[in-house]
Amino acid sequence: MPTSQPGVINYVGECDPSTYLCEECEGDCDSDSDCVGDLVCRQRSGNEAVSGCTGEGGSRDVYGKDICMQTEVTTDFVQYVGNPCTDENGVAGSCEVCTGDCDQDADCKDSLRCAQRSGFDEDVPGCVWEDTARFDGSDFCKYLELRFILVYWCVYS
């Protein structure tokens, strides 16, 4: 078993499901199945940085070797774009996640839903407030909540 320094990019040889699954910041992986658990294989063509790891180009890194990493998490910040909520061309029904002011689900793009807020301090599920502006009385598009669907699937399937 290779010896690695946690949190630092480590070339440990070829990772493979049948011999050795790479841990976070280890490589050389060729696909996500070469990595432990939910880690993903970050394809590199040089000594590019790897999210969650340090030491790119260092003594433990090898040029062009792919590294296992945590899935990148994106943060959706709440944005007030006006009422009614429209895109840059003035088309209604095209508000992205965490944007508003929406009045109904039809104001939101695709399968997003309008989170109706009743007060200044009520959060928008799945969204983060970037500053102190909470837009009292404004509603924002959110992802469809899957709790009911998952419970229904588990109970009735």
N, C-alpha and C. Protein backbone atom coordinates (compact mmCIF):
# COMPACT_ATOMS: atom_id res chain seq x y z
N MET A 1 0.83 -1.16 0.00
CA MET A 1 0.00 0.00 0.00
C MET A 1 0.89 1.25 0.00
N PRO A 2 0.60 2.21 -0.91
CA PRO A 2 1.42 3.42 -1.00
C PRO A 2 1.29 4.29 0.24
N THR A 3 2.33 5.06 0.53
CA THR A 3 2.30 6.01 1.63
C THR A 3 2.05 7.39 1.06
N SER A 4 1.03 8.07 1.58
CA SER A 4 0.65 9.39 1.09
C SER A 4 0.68 10.41 2.20
N GLN A 5 0.84 11.65 1.81
CA GLN A 5 0.73 12.77 2.73
C GLN A 5 -0.67 13.35 2.55
N PRO A 6 -1.53 13.29 3.58
CA PRO A 6 -2.92 13.75 3.44
C PRO A 6 -3.02 15.20 2.97
N GLY A 7 -3.96 15.45 2.04
CA GLY A 7 -4.22 16.79 1.55
C GLY A 7 -3.24 17.31 0.53
N VAL A 8 -2.21 16.51 0.22
CA VAL A 8 -1.19 16.90 -0.75
C VAL A 8 -1.28 15.96 -1.94
N ILE A 9 -1.14 16.50 -3.15
CA ILE A 9 -1.16 15.66 -4.34
C ILE A 9 -0.04 14.63 -4.24
N ASN A 10 -0.43 13.34 -4.38
CA ASN A 10 0.52 12.24 -4.25
C ASN A 10 0.41 11.30 -5.45
N TYR A 11 1.50 11.13 -6.18
CA TYR A 11 1.52 10.10 -7.21
C TYR A 11 1.86 8.79 -6.52
N VAL A 12 0.91 7.81 -6.57
CA VAL A 12 1.12 6.54 -5.88
C VAL A 12 1.18 5.38 -6.86
N GLY A 13 1.16 5.68 -8.15
CA GLY A 13 1.15 4.63 -9.17
C GLY A 13 -0.23 4.52 -9.80
N GLU A 14 -0.43 3.50 -10.60
CA GLU A 14 -1.72 3.29 -11.26
C GLU A 14 -2.77 2.83 -10.27
N CYS A 15 -3.88 3.55 -10.22
CA CYS A 15 -5.01 3.15 -9.38
C CYS A 15 -5.92 2.28 -10.22
N ASP A 16 -6.51 1.28 -9.59
CA ASP A 16 -7.35 0.33 -10.33
C ASP A 16 -8.28 -0.36 -9.34
N PRO A 17 -9.55 -0.56 -9.71
CA PRO A 17 -10.49 -1.20 -8.78
C PRO A 17 -10.06 -2.60 -8.33
N SER A 18 -9.27 -3.30 -9.11
CA SER A 18 -8.88 -4.66 -8.74
C SER A 18 -7.62 -4.71 -7.88
N THR A 19 -6.85 -3.60 -7.82
CA THR A 19 -5.61 -3.63 -7.04
C THR A 19 -5.56 -2.60 -5.93
N TYR A 20 -5.77 -1.32 -6.27
CA TYR A 20 -5.70 -0.26 -5.27
C TYR A 20 -6.58 0.91 -5.70
N LEU A 21 -7.54 1.28 -4.85
CA LEU A 21 -8.36 2.46 -5.11
C LEU A 21 -7.68 3.66 -4.49
N CYS A 22 -7.53 4.71 -5.28
CA CYS A 22 -6.87 5.92 -4.79
C CYS A 22 -7.75 6.67 -3.80
N GLU A 23 -7.12 7.21 -2.78
CA GLU A 23 -7.76 8.07 -1.80
C GLU A 23 -7.74 9.50 -2.33
N GLU A 24 -8.32 10.42 -1.56
CA GLU A 24 -8.34 11.83 -1.96
C GLU A 24 -6.91 12.34 -2.12
N CYS A 25 -6.67 13.05 -3.21
CA CYS A 25 -5.39 13.68 -3.58
C CYS A 25 -4.36 12.67 -4.09
N GLU A 26 -4.78 11.43 -4.35
CA GLU A 26 -3.86 10.43 -4.90
C GLU A 26 -4.16 10.16 -6.37
N GLY A 27 -3.17 9.70 -7.08
CA GLY A 27 -3.31 9.31 -8.48
C GLY A 27 -2.11 8.46 -8.87
N ASP A 28 -2.24 7.80 -9.91
CA ASP A 28 -2.83 8.15 -11.17
C ASP A 28 -4.12 7.35 -11.40
N CYS A 29 -5.24 8.07 -11.53
CA CYS A 29 -6.52 7.44 -11.84
C CYS A 29 -6.84 7.67 -13.31
N ASP A 30 -7.67 6.81 -13.86
CA ASP A 30 -8.13 6.97 -15.24
C ASP A 30 -9.62 7.26 -15.31
N SER A 31 -10.35 6.86 -14.27
CA SER A 31 -11.79 7.11 -14.22
C SER A 31 -12.22 7.18 -12.76
N ASP A 32 -13.47 7.60 -12.52
CA ASP A 32 -13.99 7.71 -11.16
C ASP A 32 -13.97 6.37 -10.43
N SER A 33 -14.08 5.27 -11.16
CA SER A 33 -14.08 3.94 -10.53
C SER A 33 -12.72 3.57 -9.95
N ASP A 34 -11.69 4.33 -10.28
CA ASP A 34 -10.36 4.11 -9.71
C ASP A 34 -10.20 4.81 -8.36
N CYS A 35 -11.22 5.55 -7.94
CA CYS A 35 -11.16 6.33 -6.70
C CYS A 35 -12.08 5.72 -5.64
N VAL A 36 -11.74 5.93 -4.38
CA VAL A 36 -12.52 5.43 -3.24
C VAL A 36 -13.85 6.18 -3.15
N GLY A 37 -14.94 5.45 -2.88
CA GLY A 37 -16.24 6.05 -2.59
C GLY A 37 -16.75 7.00 -3.65
N ASP A 38 -17.11 8.22 -3.20
CA ASP A 38 -17.69 9.22 -4.08
C ASP A 38 -16.66 10.17 -4.69
N LEU A 39 -15.39 9.87 -4.52
CA LEU A 39 -14.36 10.71 -5.12
C LEU A 39 -14.43 10.61 -6.63
N VAL A 40 -13.99 11.68 -7.31
CA VAL A 40 -13.97 11.70 -8.78
C VAL A 40 -12.53 11.87 -9.25
N CYS A 41 -12.27 11.38 -10.46
CA CYS A 41 -10.95 11.46 -11.04
C CYS A 41 -10.81 12.77 -11.81
N ARG A 42 -9.92 13.66 -11.38
CA ARG A 42 -9.67 14.95 -12.03
C ARG A 42 -8.62 14.75 -13.10
N GLN A 43 -9.04 14.86 -14.37
CA GLN A 43 -8.12 14.69 -15.50
C GLN A 43 -7.24 15.93 -15.62
N ARG A 44 -5.94 15.70 -15.75
CA ARG A 44 -4.99 16.82 -15.88
C ARG A 44 -4.05 16.58 -17.06
N SER A 45 -3.58 17.68 -17.65
CA SER A 45 -2.63 17.57 -18.74
C SER A 45 -1.27 18.14 -18.35
N GLY A 46 -1.14 18.54 -17.11
CA GLY A 46 0.11 19.10 -16.60
C GLY A 46 0.12 18.99 -15.09
N ASN A 47 0.51 20.07 -14.43
CA ASN A 47 0.51 20.13 -12.97
C ASN A 47 -0.58 21.07 -12.47
N GLU A 48 -1.79 20.99 -13.06
CA GLU A 48 -2.88 21.87 -12.66
C GLU A 48 -3.28 21.60 -11.21
N ALA A 49 -3.85 22.64 -10.60
CA ALA A 49 -4.36 22.53 -9.23
C ALA A 49 -5.52 21.54 -9.19
N VAL A 50 -5.69 20.92 -8.04
CA VAL A 50 -6.78 19.98 -7.80
C VAL A 50 -7.53 20.48 -6.58
N SER A 51 -8.85 20.69 -6.73
CA SER A 51 -9.68 21.21 -5.64
C SER A 51 -9.53 20.35 -4.39
N GLY A 52 -9.24 20.98 -3.26
CA GLY A 52 -9.11 20.28 -1.98
C GLY A 52 -7.73 19.73 -1.71
N CYS A 53 -6.80 19.90 -2.66
CA CYS A 53 -5.44 19.37 -2.51
C CYS A 53 -4.43 20.50 -2.70
N THR A 54 -3.27 20.33 -2.10
CA THR A 54 -2.16 21.27 -2.29
C THR A 54 -1.01 20.53 -2.95
N GLY A 55 0.06 21.24 -3.25
CA GLY A 55 1.29 20.59 -3.72
C GLY A 55 1.38 20.33 -5.21
N GLU A 56 0.55 21.03 -6.03
CA GLU A 56 0.67 20.83 -7.47
C GLU A 56 2.07 21.24 -7.93
N GLY A 57 2.68 20.36 -8.72
CA GLY A 57 4.04 20.61 -9.20
C GLY A 57 5.12 20.30 -8.18
N GLY A 58 4.72 19.82 -7.01
CA GLY A 58 5.68 19.54 -5.95
C GLY A 58 6.35 18.18 -6.12
N SER A 59 7.13 17.79 -5.13
CA SER A 59 7.92 16.57 -5.21
C SER A 59 7.07 15.30 -5.26
N ARG A 60 5.82 15.34 -4.80
CA ARG A 60 4.95 14.16 -4.81
C ARG A 60 4.04 14.12 -6.05
N ASP A 61 4.08 15.18 -6.86
CA ASP A 61 3.23 15.28 -8.05
C ASP A 61 4.03 14.85 -9.27
N VAL A 62 3.35 14.24 -10.23
CA VAL A 62 3.98 13.85 -11.50
C VAL A 62 3.19 14.51 -12.62
N TYR A 63 3.88 15.16 -13.53
CA TYR A 63 3.29 15.91 -14.63
C TYR A 63 2.26 15.06 -15.39
N GLY A 64 1.05 15.60 -15.53
CA GLY A 64 0.02 14.95 -16.33
C GLY A 64 -0.70 13.79 -15.68
N LYS A 65 -0.42 13.49 -14.44
CA LYS A 65 -1.09 12.37 -13.77
C LYS A 65 -2.41 12.86 -13.15
N ASP A 66 -3.45 12.05 -13.29
CA ASP A 66 -4.79 12.40 -12.85
C ASP A 66 -4.97 12.04 -11.38
N ILE A 67 -5.74 12.87 -10.67
CA ILE A 67 -5.82 12.80 -9.21
C ILE A 67 -7.27 12.66 -8.74
N CYS A 68 -7.50 11.81 -7.74
CA CYS A 68 -8.84 11.66 -7.13
C CYS A 68 -9.10 12.84 -6.20
N MET A 69 -10.34 13.35 -6.26
CA MET A 69 -10.70 14.51 -5.46
C MET A 69 -12.17 14.45 -5.07
N GLN A 70 -12.56 15.27 -4.10
CA GLN A 70 -13.97 15.41 -3.73
C GLN A 70 -14.70 16.06 -4.89
N THR A 71 -15.98 15.74 -5.03
CA THR A 71 -16.80 16.41 -6.02
C THR A 71 -16.85 17.89 -5.69
N GLU A 72 -16.67 18.72 -6.69
CA GLU A 72 -16.71 20.16 -6.44
C GLU A 72 -18.12 20.59 -6.09
N VAL A 73 -18.24 21.40 -5.06
CA VAL A 73 -19.53 21.90 -4.61
C VAL A 73 -19.67 23.33 -5.08
N THR A 74 -20.79 23.62 -5.72
CA THR A 74 -21.04 24.99 -6.14
C THR A 74 -21.97 25.64 -5.14
N THR A 75 -21.80 26.90 -4.96
CA THR A 75 -22.65 27.65 -4.06
C THR A 75 -23.54 28.57 -4.87
N ASP A 76 -24.84 28.46 -4.67
CA ASP A 76 -25.79 29.32 -5.36
C ASP A 76 -26.19 30.45 -4.43
N PHE A 77 -25.79 31.67 -4.79
CA PHE A 77 -26.11 32.84 -4.00
C PHE A 77 -27.43 33.44 -4.46
N VAL A 78 -28.22 33.94 -3.51
CA VAL A 78 -29.50 34.58 -3.82
C VAL A 78 -29.22 35.87 -4.57
N GLN A 79 -29.95 36.07 -5.68
CA GLN A 79 -29.80 37.28 -6.47
C GLN A 79 -31.18 37.85 -6.80
N TYR A 80 -31.37 39.11 -6.51
CA TYR A 80 -32.61 39.79 -6.88
C TYR A 80 -32.41 40.39 -8.27
N VAL A 81 -33.22 39.95 -9.24
CA VAL A 81 -33.08 40.44 -10.62
C VAL A 81 -34.27 41.27 -11.06
N GLY A 82 -35.25 41.43 -10.18
CA GLY A 82 -36.40 42.27 -10.49
C GLY A 82 -37.71 41.54 -10.38
N ASN A 83 -38.78 42.34 -10.49
CA ASN A 83 -40.12 41.79 -10.45
C ASN A 83 -40.91 42.38 -11.59
N PRO A 84 -41.37 41.59 -12.56
CA PRO A 84 -41.28 40.13 -12.55
C PRO A 84 -39.88 39.65 -12.91
N CYS A 85 -39.62 38.43 -12.53
CA CYS A 85 -38.32 37.82 -12.78
C CYS A 85 -38.21 37.46 -14.26
N THR A 86 -37.26 38.09 -14.95
CA THR A 86 -37.07 37.83 -16.38
C THR A 86 -35.59 37.65 -16.67
N ASP A 87 -35.27 37.10 -17.83
CA ASP A 87 -33.86 36.99 -18.22
C ASP A 87 -33.39 38.31 -18.84
N GLU A 88 -32.16 38.33 -19.34
CA GLU A 88 -31.58 39.56 -19.89
C GLU A 88 -32.32 40.07 -21.13
N ASN A 89 -33.14 39.24 -21.76
CA ASN A 89 -33.93 39.64 -22.92
C ASN A 89 -35.37 39.99 -22.56
N GLY A 90 -35.69 40.00 -21.26
CA GLY A 90 -37.03 40.34 -20.82
C GLY A 90 -38.03 39.20 -20.91
N VAL A 91 -37.54 37.97 -21.12
CA VAL A 91 -38.42 36.81 -21.25
C VAL A 91 -38.74 36.26 -19.86
N ALA A 92 -40.03 36.17 -19.57
CA ALA A 92 -40.47 35.63 -18.28
C ALA A 92 -40.33 34.11 -18.28
N GLY A 93 -40.32 33.52 -17.09
CA GLY A 93 -40.24 32.06 -16.96
C GLY A 93 -38.85 31.51 -17.16
N SER A 94 -37.85 32.35 -17.00
CA SER A 94 -36.49 31.88 -17.24
C SER A 94 -35.54 32.20 -16.09
N CYS A 95 -36.09 32.38 -14.89
CA CYS A 95 -35.23 32.66 -13.74
C CYS A 95 -34.46 31.40 -13.34
N GLU A 96 -33.19 31.58 -13.11
CA GLU A 96 -32.31 30.50 -12.68
C GLU A 96 -32.49 30.23 -11.19
N VAL A 97 -31.83 29.18 -10.71
CA VAL A 97 -31.91 28.85 -9.30
C VAL A 97 -31.37 30.01 -8.46
N CYS A 98 -32.06 30.29 -7.36
CA CYS A 98 -31.71 31.33 -6.39
C CYS A 98 -31.88 32.75 -6.92
N THR A 99 -32.61 32.94 -8.02
CA THR A 99 -32.90 34.29 -8.50
C THR A 99 -34.38 34.58 -8.32
N GLY A 100 -34.72 35.85 -8.23
CA GLY A 100 -36.11 36.26 -8.06
C GLY A 100 -36.22 37.76 -8.28
N ASP A 101 -37.32 38.24 -8.24
CA ASP A 101 -38.52 37.88 -7.52
C ASP A 101 -39.45 37.07 -8.43
N CYS A 102 -39.80 35.87 -8.00
CA CYS A 102 -40.78 35.07 -8.73
C CYS A 102 -42.11 35.15 -7.97
N ASP A 103 -43.19 34.97 -8.69
CA ASP A 103 -44.51 34.96 -8.07
C ASP A 103 -45.17 33.59 -8.14
N GLN A 104 -44.68 32.75 -9.07
CA GLN A 104 -45.25 31.41 -9.27
C GLN A 104 -44.18 30.52 -9.91
N ASP A 105 -44.40 29.21 -9.89
CA ASP A 105 -43.44 28.26 -10.45
C ASP A 105 -43.15 28.56 -11.92
N ALA A 106 -44.13 29.06 -12.66
CA ALA A 106 -43.96 29.35 -14.09
C ALA A 106 -42.93 30.45 -14.34
N ASP A 107 -42.59 31.24 -13.32
CA ASP A 107 -41.57 32.28 -13.46
C ASP A 107 -40.16 31.68 -13.43
N CYS A 108 -40.06 30.42 -13.01
CA CYS A 108 -38.76 29.77 -12.84
C CYS A 108 -38.46 28.84 -14.02
N LYS A 109 -37.19 28.71 -14.33
CA LYS A 109 -36.72 27.91 -15.46
C LYS A 109 -36.89 26.41 -15.19
N ASP A 110 -37.24 25.68 -16.23
CA ASP A 110 -37.32 24.22 -16.22
C ASP A 110 -38.12 23.69 -15.03
N SER A 111 -37.50 22.83 -14.20
CA SER A 111 -38.23 22.20 -13.10
C SER A 111 -38.02 22.91 -11.77
N LEU A 112 -37.48 24.13 -11.80
CA LEU A 112 -37.32 24.89 -10.56
C LEU A 112 -38.69 25.31 -10.02
N ARG A 113 -38.74 25.58 -8.73
CA ARG A 113 -39.98 26.00 -8.08
C ARG A 113 -39.77 27.35 -7.41
N CYS A 114 -40.85 28.11 -7.30
CA CYS A 114 -40.79 29.41 -6.64
C CYS A 114 -40.96 29.21 -5.14
N ALA A 115 -39.95 29.57 -4.36
CA ALA A 115 -40.00 29.46 -2.90
C ALA A 115 -40.71 30.69 -2.36
N GLN A 116 -41.93 30.52 -1.93
CA GLN A 116 -42.72 31.62 -1.38
C GLN A 116 -42.24 31.89 0.05
N ARG A 117 -41.75 33.09 0.27
CA ARG A 117 -41.25 33.48 1.60
C ARG A 117 -42.25 34.40 2.27
N SER A 118 -42.40 34.24 3.56
CA SER A 118 -43.37 35.06 4.28
C SER A 118 -42.72 36.17 5.08
N GLY A 119 -41.42 36.20 5.12
CA GLY A 119 -40.77 37.24 5.91
C GLY A 119 -39.34 37.49 5.49
N PHE A 120 -38.77 38.51 6.11
CA PHE A 120 -37.42 38.96 5.82
C PHE A 120 -36.36 37.91 6.13
N ASP A 121 -36.52 37.18 7.22
CA ASP A 121 -35.47 36.28 7.67
C ASP A 121 -35.67 34.83 7.23
N GLU A 122 -36.63 34.57 6.37
CA GLU A 122 -36.85 33.21 5.89
C GLU A 122 -35.86 32.87 4.78
N ASP A 123 -35.21 31.72 4.90
CA ASP A 123 -34.21 31.30 3.92
C ASP A 123 -34.86 30.73 2.66
N VAL A 124 -34.05 30.60 1.62
CA VAL A 124 -34.46 29.95 0.38
C VAL A 124 -33.75 28.60 0.35
N PRO A 125 -34.47 27.48 0.36
CA PRO A 125 -33.82 26.16 0.39
C PRO A 125 -32.79 25.98 -0.73
N GLY A 126 -31.57 25.57 -0.34
CA GLY A 126 -30.50 25.32 -1.31
C GLY A 126 -29.74 26.55 -1.74
N CYS A 127 -30.07 27.71 -1.19
CA CYS A 127 -29.42 28.96 -1.59
C CYS A 127 -28.74 29.61 -0.39
N VAL A 128 -27.75 30.46 -0.67
CA VAL A 128 -26.96 31.11 0.36
C VAL A 128 -27.08 32.62 0.17
N TRP A 129 -27.26 33.36 1.29
CA TRP A 129 -27.30 34.81 1.24
C TRP A 129 -25.87 35.32 1.19
N GLU A 130 -25.56 36.13 0.19
CA GLU A 130 -24.19 36.62 0.00
C GLU A 130 -23.86 37.76 0.97
N ASP A 131 -24.84 38.55 1.32
CA ASP A 131 -24.62 39.65 2.25
C ASP A 131 -25.86 39.80 3.12
N THR A 132 -26.06 40.95 3.70
CA THR A 132 -27.18 41.14 4.62
C THR A 132 -28.49 41.50 3.92
N ALA A 133 -28.47 41.79 2.63
CA ALA A 133 -29.69 42.12 1.90
C ALA A 133 -30.55 40.87 1.77
N ARG A 134 -31.69 40.85 2.46
CA ARG A 134 -32.55 39.66 2.46
C ARG A 134 -33.80 39.84 1.61
N PHE A 135 -34.00 41.02 1.02
CA PHE A 135 -35.10 41.27 0.09
C PHE A 135 -36.45 40.86 0.69
N ASP A 136 -36.87 41.60 1.70
CA ASP A 136 -38.12 41.32 2.40
C ASP A 136 -39.29 41.21 1.43
N GLY A 137 -40.04 40.12 1.52
CA GLY A 137 -41.21 39.92 0.68
C GLY A 137 -40.93 39.39 -0.70
N SER A 138 -39.67 39.21 -1.06
CA SER A 138 -39.34 38.68 -2.39
C SER A 138 -39.20 37.17 -2.33
N ASP A 139 -39.60 36.52 -3.41
CA ASP A 139 -39.55 35.07 -3.52
C ASP A 139 -38.52 34.68 -4.57
N PHE A 140 -37.89 33.51 -4.40
CA PHE A 140 -36.78 33.12 -5.26
C PHE A 140 -36.95 31.68 -5.75
N CYS A 141 -36.43 31.41 -6.95
CA CYS A 141 -36.50 30.07 -7.53
C CYS A 141 -35.57 29.13 -6.79
N LYS A 142 -36.02 27.90 -6.60
CA LYS A 142 -35.24 26.90 -5.87
C LYS A 142 -35.36 25.56 -6.60
N TYR A 143 -34.50 24.64 -6.24
CA TYR A 143 -34.59 23.28 -6.77
C TYR A 143 -35.81 22.59 -6.18
N LEU A 144 -36.40 21.69 -6.93
CA LEU A 144 -37.50 20.87 -6.45
C LEU A 144 -37.00 20.03 -5.29
N GLU A 145 -37.72 20.03 -4.18
CA GLU A 145 -37.31 19.23 -3.04
C GLU A 145 -37.70 17.78 -3.27
N LEU A 146 -36.77 16.87 -3.01
CA LEU A 146 -36.98 15.46 -3.32
C LEU A 146 -37.36 14.61 -2.12
N ARG A 147 -37.54 15.21 -0.95
CA ARG A 147 -37.81 14.41 0.25
C ARG A 147 -39.03 13.51 0.08
N PHE A 148 -40.14 14.05 -0.37
CA PHE A 148 -41.36 13.26 -0.53
C PHE A 148 -41.16 12.16 -1.56
N ILE A 149 -40.53 12.48 -2.64
CA ILE A 149 -40.32 11.51 -3.71
C ILE A 149 -39.48 10.33 -3.20
N LEU A 150 -38.42 10.63 -2.45
CA LEU A 150 -37.56 9.56 -1.95
C LEU A 150 -38.29 8.70 -0.92
N VAL A 151 -39.06 9.33 -0.04
CA VAL A 151 -39.81 8.57 0.95
C VAL A 151 -40.83 7.70 0.24
N TYR A 152 -41.54 8.25 -0.73
CA TYR A 152 -42.53 7.50 -1.47
C TYR A 152 -41.88 6.30 -2.17
N TRP A 153 -40.71 6.52 -2.80
CA TRP A 153 -40.02 5.46 -3.51
C TRP A 153 -39.60 4.35 -2.54
N CYS A 154 -39.07 4.75 -1.38
CA CYS A 154 -38.60 3.76 -0.41
C CYS A 154 -39.76 2.96 0.18
N VAL A 155 -40.88 3.60 0.43
CA VAL A 155 -42.01 2.94 1.07
C VAL A 155 -42.79 2.09 0.09
N TYR A 156 -42.99 2.58 -1.13
CA TYR A 156 -43.90 1.92 -2.05
C TYR A 156 -43.24 1.14 -3.18
N SER A 157 -41.93 1.05 -3.20
CA SER A 157 -41.33 0.28 -4.29
C SER A 157 -40.81 -1.07 -3.82
